[in-house]
Amino acid sequence: MVNYLPETLTAEWLDKNGVTPSEIYLFTRAFPEGMKLTRENVEKALREKLDMVYIFETILRFEDKEEFSVKTAEAQERKDLADKLILRQFQNANLDAQEIRNTASRPLEPLPPSLETAFQAKLAAAEAARLNALVEVEQTFNETIADAVMEAIAS
């Protein structure tokens, strides 16, 4: 383990080492007694929406930060690209659903029940696919960040 990091991070230690009050607040909600530096706790912190990249970029010394920063920046870039692709796919699926409305003889009037059902089903399927894809992307991102944190503290 990096010899300047404690075995257990505490709100007090984070405060003394430059972490912002808002992140310390989130930290204490998730880890009121402190956080032992284990993979399980890093994964919990990520699920609790703590910004582990920010925290570790703040507390790691310069010589330990470069590789961590490169790995996490690459992970963020991959996540951003995946998020954009998911949004594009969702927008295309919504356009497909709108085609049902466009096929109605009078687009401003309510759709007949069978077309309304088909329209709503397409919208629901698009939203479900979007949410499932976002969950997968978030899980992959969190695993990558957890790997980077554990590698950084092990060096």
N, C-alpha and C. Protein backbone atom coordinates (compact mmCIF):
# COMPACT_ATOMS: atom_id res chain seq x y z
N MET A 1 0.84 -1.18 0.00
CA MET A 1 0.00 0.00 0.00
C MET A 1 0.88 1.24 0.00
N VAL A 2 0.41 2.28 -0.67
CA VAL A 2 1.13 3.54 -0.65
C VAL A 2 1.31 3.92 0.81
N ASN A 3 2.55 4.17 1.22
CA ASN A 3 2.84 4.30 2.65
C ASN A 3 2.31 5.57 3.31
N TYR A 4 1.83 6.53 2.56
CA TYR A 4 1.31 7.76 3.17
C TYR A 4 -0.21 7.75 3.33
N LEU A 5 -0.87 6.72 2.80
CA LEU A 5 -2.32 6.60 2.97
C LEU A 5 -2.60 5.75 4.19
N PRO A 6 -3.58 6.15 5.00
CA PRO A 6 -3.94 5.31 6.14
C PRO A 6 -4.68 4.06 5.67
N GLU A 7 -4.72 3.04 6.51
CA GLU A 7 -5.49 1.84 6.16
C GLU A 7 -6.98 2.15 6.05
N THR A 8 -7.44 3.12 6.84
CA THR A 8 -8.84 3.53 6.84
C THR A 8 -8.92 5.03 6.59
N LEU A 9 -9.62 5.40 5.54
CA LEU A 9 -9.84 6.82 5.28
C LEU A 9 -10.95 7.31 6.20
N THR A 10 -10.78 8.50 6.76
CA THR A 10 -11.80 9.11 7.60
C THR A 10 -12.13 10.49 7.04
N ALA A 11 -13.26 11.02 7.44
CA ALA A 11 -13.65 12.36 7.00
C ALA A 11 -12.60 13.38 7.44
N GLU A 12 -12.12 13.24 8.64
CA GLU A 12 -11.10 14.16 9.16
C GLU A 12 -9.83 14.11 8.31
N TRP A 13 -9.38 12.89 7.98
CA TRP A 13 -8.16 12.75 7.18
C TRP A 13 -8.38 13.34 5.78
N LEU A 14 -9.53 13.06 5.17
CA LEU A 14 -9.83 13.61 3.85
C LEU A 14 -9.85 15.13 3.88
N ASP A 15 -10.44 15.70 4.93
CA ASP A 15 -10.49 17.16 5.07
C ASP A 15 -9.08 17.74 5.17
N LYS A 16 -8.24 17.13 5.96
CA LYS A 16 -6.86 17.61 6.11
C LYS A 16 -6.05 17.48 4.82
N ASN A 17 -6.52 16.62 3.92
CA ASN A 17 -5.77 16.37 2.69
C ASN A 17 -6.45 16.97 1.45
N GLY A 18 -7.34 17.94 1.66
CA GLY A 18 -7.84 18.76 0.57
C GLY A 18 -9.10 18.33 -0.14
N VAL A 19 -9.79 17.32 0.35
CA VAL A 19 -11.04 16.89 -0.29
C VAL A 19 -12.14 17.89 0.07
N THR A 20 -12.99 18.19 -0.90
CA THR A 20 -14.03 19.22 -0.70
C THR A 20 -15.08 18.78 0.33
N PRO A 21 -15.68 19.76 1.01
CA PRO A 21 -16.73 19.44 1.99
C PRO A 21 -17.90 18.65 1.39
N SER A 22 -18.29 18.94 0.16
CA SER A 22 -19.42 18.21 -0.42
C SER A 22 -19.09 16.73 -0.61
N GLU A 23 -17.87 16.44 -1.00
CA GLU A 23 -17.48 15.04 -1.18
C GLU A 23 -17.31 14.36 0.19
N ILE A 24 -16.82 15.11 1.17
CA ILE A 24 -16.70 14.56 2.53
C ILE A 24 -18.09 14.25 3.10
N TYR A 25 -19.06 15.10 2.80
CA TYR A 25 -20.43 14.85 3.25
C TYR A 25 -20.93 13.52 2.69
N LEU A 26 -20.76 13.31 1.38
CA LEU A 26 -21.18 12.05 0.77
C LEU A 26 -20.42 10.87 1.37
N PHE A 27 -19.14 11.09 1.61
CA PHE A 27 -18.29 10.05 2.20
C PHE A 27 -18.82 9.64 3.57
N THR A 28 -19.13 10.62 4.43
CA THR A 28 -19.58 10.28 5.79
C THR A 28 -20.96 9.64 5.79
N ARG A 29 -21.79 9.95 4.78
CA ARG A 29 -23.08 9.26 4.68
C ARG A 29 -22.88 7.78 4.37
N ALA A 30 -21.91 7.48 3.50
CA ALA A 30 -21.66 6.09 3.11
C ALA A 30 -20.79 5.35 4.13
N PHE A 31 -19.86 6.09 4.74
CA PHE A 31 -18.88 5.47 5.65
C PHE A 31 -18.75 6.31 6.92
N PRO A 32 -19.75 6.30 7.78
CA PRO A 32 -19.69 7.15 8.98
C PRO A 32 -18.52 6.84 9.91
N GLU A 33 -18.06 5.61 9.91
CA GLU A 33 -16.94 5.22 10.76
C GLU A 33 -15.61 5.19 10.01
N GLY A 34 -15.62 5.64 8.77
CA GLY A 34 -14.42 5.60 7.95
C GLY A 34 -14.50 4.45 6.95
N MET A 35 -13.57 4.46 6.01
CA MET A 35 -13.57 3.48 4.93
C MET A 35 -12.22 2.77 4.87
N LYS A 36 -12.22 1.50 5.23
CA LYS A 36 -11.02 0.69 5.05
C LYS A 36 -10.78 0.55 3.55
N LEU A 37 -9.54 0.68 3.12
CA LEU A 37 -9.22 0.66 1.69
C LEU A 37 -9.21 -0.77 1.15
N THR A 38 -10.42 -1.26 0.85
CA THR A 38 -10.61 -2.57 0.24
C THR A 38 -11.37 -2.38 -1.07
N ARG A 39 -11.26 -3.36 -1.94
CA ARG A 39 -12.00 -3.28 -3.20
C ARG A 39 -13.50 -3.21 -2.94
N GLU A 40 -13.99 -4.00 -2.00
CA GLU A 40 -15.41 -4.00 -1.68
C GLU A 40 -15.88 -2.60 -1.28
N ASN A 41 -15.09 -1.91 -0.46
CA ASN A 41 -15.47 -0.57 -0.04
C ASN A 41 -15.35 0.45 -1.18
N VAL A 42 -14.37 0.28 -2.04
CA VAL A 42 -14.25 1.18 -3.19
C VAL A 42 -15.47 1.00 -4.10
N GLU A 43 -15.88 -0.25 -4.32
CA GLU A 43 -17.06 -0.50 -5.14
C GLU A 43 -18.31 0.08 -4.48
N LYS A 44 -18.42 -0.04 -3.16
CA LYS A 44 -19.56 0.55 -2.44
C LYS A 44 -19.53 2.08 -2.61
N ALA A 45 -18.37 2.68 -2.47
CA ALA A 45 -18.25 4.13 -2.62
C ALA A 45 -18.72 4.57 -4.01
N LEU A 46 -18.35 3.82 -5.03
CA LEU A 46 -18.77 4.16 -6.38
C LEU A 46 -20.28 4.01 -6.54
N ARG A 47 -20.84 2.96 -5.97
CA ARG A 47 -22.31 2.78 -6.02
C ARG A 47 -23.02 3.92 -5.29
N GLU A 48 -22.39 4.43 -4.23
CA GLU A 48 -22.97 5.54 -3.46
C GLU A 48 -22.71 6.89 -4.12
N LYS A 49 -22.10 6.87 -5.31
CA LYS A 49 -21.86 8.06 -6.13
C LYS A 49 -20.75 8.97 -5.59
N LEU A 50 -19.85 8.40 -4.77
CA LEU A 50 -18.68 9.18 -4.40
C LEU A 50 -17.78 9.29 -5.61
N ASP A 51 -17.17 10.43 -5.78
CA ASP A 51 -16.28 10.65 -6.92
C ASP A 51 -14.88 10.16 -6.54
N MET A 52 -14.68 8.85 -6.68
CA MET A 52 -13.41 8.25 -6.27
C MET A 52 -12.25 8.73 -7.13
N VAL A 53 -12.51 9.10 -8.35
CA VAL A 53 -11.44 9.64 -9.20
C VAL A 53 -10.97 10.95 -8.58
N TYR A 54 -11.89 11.85 -8.28
CA TYR A 54 -11.53 13.13 -7.68
C TYR A 54 -10.81 12.91 -6.34
N ILE A 55 -11.38 12.06 -5.48
CA ILE A 55 -10.78 11.85 -4.16
C ILE A 55 -9.34 11.36 -4.30
N PHE A 56 -9.12 10.36 -5.15
CA PHE A 56 -7.76 9.82 -5.25
C PHE A 56 -6.82 10.74 -6.02
N GLU A 57 -7.32 11.51 -6.95
CA GLU A 57 -6.45 12.49 -7.59
C GLU A 57 -6.06 13.58 -6.59
N THR A 58 -6.90 13.82 -5.60
CA THR A 58 -6.60 14.81 -4.57
C THR A 58 -5.61 14.26 -3.55
N ILE A 59 -5.76 13.01 -3.15
CA ILE A 59 -4.93 12.50 -2.04
C ILE A 59 -3.67 11.77 -2.47
N LEU A 60 -3.59 11.34 -3.73
CA LEU A 60 -2.37 10.68 -4.18
C LEU A 60 -1.28 11.72 -4.42
N ARG A 61 -0.06 11.34 -4.13
CA ARG A 61 1.07 12.22 -4.43
C ARG A 61 1.34 12.18 -5.93
N PHE A 62 1.99 13.22 -6.40
CA PHE A 62 2.23 13.40 -7.83
C PHE A 62 2.82 12.15 -8.47
N GLU A 63 3.82 11.56 -7.85
CA GLU A 63 4.49 10.41 -8.46
C GLU A 63 3.60 9.17 -8.56
N ASP A 64 2.53 9.14 -7.79
CA ASP A 64 1.60 8.00 -7.82
C ASP A 64 0.35 8.30 -8.64
N LYS A 65 0.20 9.55 -9.06
CA LYS A 65 -1.04 10.00 -9.67
C LYS A 65 -1.09 9.80 -11.18
N GLU A 66 0.04 9.85 -11.87
CA GLU A 66 0.03 9.88 -13.34
C GLU A 66 -0.66 8.68 -13.96
N GLU A 67 -0.23 7.47 -13.58
CA GLU A 67 -0.84 6.27 -14.17
C GLU A 67 -2.33 6.18 -13.81
N PHE A 68 -2.67 6.52 -12.58
CA PHE A 68 -4.06 6.53 -12.14
C PHE A 68 -4.88 7.48 -13.00
N SER A 69 -4.37 8.68 -13.21
CA SER A 69 -5.09 9.70 -13.99
C SER A 69 -5.29 9.27 -15.43
N VAL A 70 -4.28 8.64 -16.02
CA VAL A 70 -4.39 8.17 -17.40
C VAL A 70 -5.47 7.10 -17.50
N LYS A 71 -5.44 6.12 -16.60
CA LYS A 71 -6.42 5.03 -16.64
C LYS A 71 -7.85 5.55 -16.44
N THR A 72 -8.01 6.44 -15.49
CA THR A 72 -9.36 6.92 -15.21
C THR A 72 -9.86 7.86 -16.31
N ALA A 73 -8.97 8.63 -16.91
CA ALA A 73 -9.38 9.50 -18.03
C ALA A 73 -9.81 8.65 -19.23
N GLU A 74 -9.07 7.57 -19.50
CA GLU A 74 -9.45 6.68 -20.59
C GLU A 74 -10.81 6.03 -20.30
N ALA A 75 -11.02 5.63 -19.06
CA ALA A 75 -12.31 5.03 -18.68
C ALA A 75 -13.45 6.03 -18.85
N GLN A 76 -13.21 7.27 -18.46
CA GLN A 76 -14.24 8.30 -18.60
C GLN A 76 -14.54 8.57 -20.07
N GLU A 77 -13.51 8.58 -20.89
CA GLU A 77 -13.71 8.80 -22.33
C GLU A 77 -14.55 7.67 -22.94
N ARG A 78 -14.23 6.42 -22.58
CA ARG A 78 -15.01 5.28 -23.08
C ARG A 78 -16.46 5.37 -22.60
N LYS A 79 -16.66 5.77 -21.35
CA LYS A 79 -18.02 5.90 -20.81
C LYS A 79 -18.78 7.00 -21.55
N ASP A 80 -18.14 8.13 -21.78
CA ASP A 80 -18.80 9.24 -22.49
C ASP A 80 -19.21 8.82 -23.89
N LEU A 81 -18.34 8.10 -24.60
CA LEU A 81 -18.67 7.63 -25.94
C LEU A 81 -19.84 6.65 -25.91
N ALA A 82 -19.82 5.74 -24.94
CA ALA A 82 -20.91 4.77 -24.82
C ALA A 82 -22.22 5.48 -24.50
N ASP A 83 -22.17 6.48 -23.62
CA ASP A 83 -23.38 7.24 -23.28
C ASP A 83 -23.96 7.92 -24.52
N LYS A 84 -23.09 8.48 -25.35
CA LYS A 84 -23.56 9.14 -26.58
C LYS A 84 -24.19 8.13 -27.53
N LEU A 85 -23.58 6.96 -27.65
CA LEU A 85 -24.14 5.92 -28.52
C LEU A 85 -25.50 5.48 -28.01
N ILE A 86 -25.63 5.30 -26.72
CA ILE A 86 -26.90 4.90 -26.12
C ILE A 86 -27.97 5.95 -26.40
N LEU A 87 -27.61 7.21 -26.24
CA LEU A 87 -28.57 8.29 -26.51
C LEU A 87 -28.99 8.27 -27.98
N ARG A 88 -28.04 8.09 -28.88
CA ARG A 88 -28.36 8.05 -30.32
C ARG A 88 -29.30 6.89 -30.63
N GLN A 89 -29.03 5.73 -30.05
CA GLN A 89 -29.90 4.56 -30.27
C GLN A 89 -31.30 4.82 -29.71
N PHE A 90 -31.37 5.47 -28.57
CA PHE A 90 -32.67 5.79 -27.97
C PHE A 90 -33.44 6.78 -28.85
N GLN A 91 -32.75 7.78 -29.34
CA GLN A 91 -33.40 8.75 -30.22
C GLN A 91 -33.92 8.08 -31.49
N ASN A 92 -33.12 7.18 -32.06
CA ASN A 92 -33.57 6.46 -33.26
C ASN A 92 -34.78 5.58 -32.97
N ALA A 93 -34.78 4.94 -31.82
CA ALA A 93 -35.92 4.11 -31.45
C ALA A 93 -37.18 4.97 -31.26
N ASN A 94 -37.00 6.14 -30.70
CA ASN A 94 -38.15 7.05 -30.55
C ASN A 94 -38.67 7.52 -31.91
N LEU A 95 -37.75 7.76 -32.83
CA LEU A 95 -38.18 8.13 -34.18
C LEU A 95 -38.97 7.00 -34.83
N ASP A 96 -38.52 5.76 -34.62
CA ASP A 96 -39.26 4.61 -35.14
C ASP A 96 -40.67 4.57 -34.55
N ALA A 97 -40.77 4.84 -33.25
CA ALA A 97 -42.09 4.85 -32.62
C ALA A 97 -42.95 5.96 -33.19
N GLN A 98 -42.35 7.10 -33.47
CA GLN A 98 -43.12 8.23 -34.02
C GLN A 98 -43.68 7.90 -35.40
N GLU A 99 -43.05 6.98 -36.10
CA GLU A 99 -43.56 6.56 -37.42
C GLU A 99 -44.98 6.00 -37.29
N ILE A 100 -45.28 5.39 -36.16
CA ILE A 100 -46.64 4.88 -35.94
C ILE A 100 -47.62 6.05 -35.93
N ARG A 101 -47.24 7.11 -35.24
CA ARG A 101 -48.10 8.30 -35.23
C ARG A 101 -48.24 8.89 -36.63
N ASN A 102 -47.15 8.88 -37.37
CA ASN A 102 -47.16 9.47 -38.70
C ASN A 102 -48.02 8.68 -39.69
N THR A 103 -48.23 7.40 -39.41
CA THR A 103 -49.04 6.58 -40.31
C THR A 103 -50.53 6.80 -40.09
N ALA A 104 -50.88 7.42 -38.97
CA ALA A 104 -52.31 7.69 -38.70
C ALA A 104 -52.82 8.69 -39.74
N SER A 105 -54.06 8.51 -40.12
CA SER A 105 -54.62 9.37 -41.17
C SER A 105 -54.73 10.82 -40.69
N ARG A 106 -54.93 11.02 -39.40
CA ARG A 106 -55.02 12.38 -38.85
C ARG A 106 -54.07 12.47 -37.65
N PRO A 107 -52.84 12.87 -37.89
CA PRO A 107 -51.82 12.85 -36.84
C PRO A 107 -52.15 13.63 -35.58
N LEU A 108 -52.98 14.66 -35.66
CA LEU A 108 -53.28 15.45 -34.47
C LEU A 108 -54.39 14.85 -33.61
N GLU A 109 -55.07 13.87 -34.13
CA GLU A 109 -56.13 13.21 -33.37
C GLU A 109 -55.54 12.02 -32.61
N PRO A 110 -56.24 11.59 -31.56
CA PRO A 110 -55.76 10.42 -30.82
C PRO A 110 -55.66 9.20 -31.75
N LEU A 111 -54.65 8.37 -31.47
CA LEU A 111 -54.49 7.15 -32.26
C LEU A 111 -55.57 6.14 -31.90
N PRO A 112 -55.94 5.31 -32.86
CA PRO A 112 -56.82 4.19 -32.52
C PRO A 112 -56.12 3.33 -31.45
N PRO A 113 -56.88 2.66 -30.60
CA PRO A 113 -56.29 1.90 -29.49
C PRO A 113 -55.16 0.94 -29.92
N SER A 114 -55.32 0.24 -31.04
CA SER A 114 -54.28 -0.72 -31.44
C SER A 114 -52.97 0.00 -31.79
N LEU A 115 -53.08 1.15 -32.46
CA LEU A 115 -51.86 1.90 -32.79
C LEU A 115 -51.27 2.56 -31.55
N GLU A 116 -52.11 3.03 -30.65
CA GLU A 116 -51.60 3.64 -29.41
C GLU A 116 -50.83 2.59 -28.60
N THR A 117 -51.38 1.38 -28.55
CA THR A 117 -50.70 0.29 -27.84
C THR A 117 -49.35 0.00 -28.48
N ALA A 118 -49.29 -0.07 -29.78
CA ALA A 118 -48.03 -0.33 -30.48
C ALA A 118 -47.04 0.82 -30.25
N PHE A 119 -47.53 2.03 -30.29
CA PHE A 119 -46.70 3.21 -30.06
C PHE A 119 -46.10 3.18 -28.65
N GLN A 120 -46.94 2.95 -27.65
CA GLN A 120 -46.48 2.90 -26.26
C GLN A 120 -45.51 1.74 -26.03
N ALA A 121 -45.75 0.62 -26.69
CA ALA A 121 -44.86 -0.54 -26.55
C ALA A 121 -43.47 -0.22 -27.10
N LYS A 122 -43.42 0.44 -28.25
CA LYS A 122 -42.12 0.82 -28.83
C LYS A 122 -41.39 1.80 -27.93
N LEU A 123 -42.11 2.76 -27.37
CA LEU A 123 -41.48 3.72 -26.46
C LEU A 123 -40.95 3.02 -25.21
N ALA A 124 -41.75 2.13 -24.65
CA ALA A 124 -41.34 1.40 -23.45
C ALA A 124 -40.11 0.54 -23.73
N ALA A 125 -40.09 -0.13 -24.87
CA ALA A 125 -38.94 -0.97 -25.23
C ALA A 125 -37.69 -0.12 -25.41
N ALA A 126 -37.83 1.04 -26.02
CA ALA A 126 -36.68 1.93 -26.20
C ALA A 126 -36.14 2.40 -24.86
N GLU A 127 -37.02 2.76 -23.94
CA GLU A 127 -36.59 3.23 -22.62
C GLU A 127 -35.93 2.09 -21.84
N ALA A 128 -36.49 0.90 -21.90
CA ALA A 128 -35.90 -0.25 -21.20
C ALA A 128 -34.51 -0.55 -21.74
N ALA A 129 -34.37 -0.53 -23.05
CA ALA A 129 -33.06 -0.79 -23.66
C ALA A 129 -32.06 0.28 -23.24
N ARG A 130 -32.49 1.53 -23.20
CA ARG A 130 -31.61 2.63 -22.80
C ARG A 130 -31.15 2.45 -21.36
N LEU A 131 -32.08 2.17 -20.47
CA LEU A 131 -31.73 2.01 -19.06
C LEU A 131 -30.81 0.82 -18.83
N ASN A 132 -31.09 -0.31 -19.48
CA ASN A 132 -30.22 -1.48 -19.35
C ASN A 132 -28.82 -1.19 -19.85
N ALA A 133 -28.71 -0.50 -20.96
CA ALA A 133 -27.39 -0.16 -21.50
C ALA A 133 -26.64 0.78 -20.57
N LEU A 134 -27.35 1.76 -20.00
CA LEU A 134 -26.69 2.69 -19.07
C LEU A 134 -26.18 1.97 -17.83
N VAL A 135 -26.94 1.02 -17.33
CA VAL A 135 -26.51 0.25 -16.16
C VAL A 135 -25.24 -0.53 -16.49
N GLU A 136 -25.20 -1.16 -17.64
CA GLU A 136 -24.01 -1.92 -18.05
C GLU A 136 -22.79 -1.01 -18.18
N VAL A 137 -22.97 0.14 -18.78
CA VAL A 137 -21.87 1.08 -18.96
C VAL A 137 -21.36 1.55 -17.59
N GLU A 138 -22.28 1.88 -16.69
CA GLU A 138 -21.91 2.34 -15.35
C GLU A 138 -21.16 1.25 -14.59
N GLN A 139 -21.61 0.00 -14.71
CA GLN A 139 -20.93 -1.10 -14.02
C GLN A 139 -19.51 -1.28 -14.55
N THR A 140 -19.36 -1.23 -15.85
CA THR A 140 -18.03 -1.38 -16.45
C THR A 140 -17.13 -0.23 -16.02
N PHE A 141 -17.65 0.98 -16.04
CA PHE A 141 -16.89 2.15 -15.61
C PHE A 141 -16.45 1.99 -14.15
N ASN A 142 -17.39 1.62 -13.29
CA ASN A 142 -17.06 1.46 -11.86
C ASN A 142 -16.01 0.38 -11.63
N GLU A 143 -16.09 -0.72 -12.36
CA GLU A 143 -15.09 -1.77 -12.23
C GLU A 143 -13.71 -1.26 -12.64
N THR A 144 -13.65 -0.49 -13.71
CA THR A 144 -12.38 0.06 -14.17
C THR A 144 -11.81 1.03 -13.15
N ILE A 145 -12.66 1.88 -12.59
CA ILE A 145 -12.21 2.84 -11.58
C ILE A 145 -11.74 2.10 -10.33
N ALA A 146 -12.49 1.09 -9.91
CA ALA A 146 -12.09 0.30 -8.74
C ALA A 146 -10.74 -0.35 -8.98
N ASP A 147 -10.52 -0.89 -10.16
CA ASP A 147 -9.21 -1.47 -10.50
C ASP A 147 -8.11 -0.42 -10.38
N ALA A 148 -8.36 0.76 -10.92
CA ALA A 148 -7.36 1.83 -10.89
C ALA A 148 -7.05 2.27 -9.47
N VAL A 149 -8.09 2.39 -8.63
CA VAL A 149 -7.87 2.77 -7.24
C VAL A 149 -7.03 1.71 -6.53
N MET A 150 -7.40 0.45 -6.71
CA MET A 150 -6.67 -0.62 -6.02
C MET A 150 -5.22 -0.71 -6.50
N GLU A 151 -5.00 -0.52 -7.80
CA GLU A 151 -3.62 -0.52 -8.30
C GLU A 151 -2.83 0.66 -7.74
N ALA A 152 -3.48 1.81 -7.63
CA ALA A 152 -2.79 3.00 -7.13
C ALA A 152 -2.39 2.84 -5.67
N ILE A 153 -3.26 2.26 -4.85
CA ILE A 153 -2.90 2.12 -3.43
C ILE A 153 -1.97 0.95 -3.19
N ALA A 154 -1.89 0.03 -4.14
CA ALA A 154 -0.98 -1.12 -3.97
C ALA A 154 0.46 -0.79 -4.35
N SER A 155 0.64 0.30 -5.12
CA SER A 155 2.00 0.59 -5.60
C SER A 155 2.90 1.14 -4.52
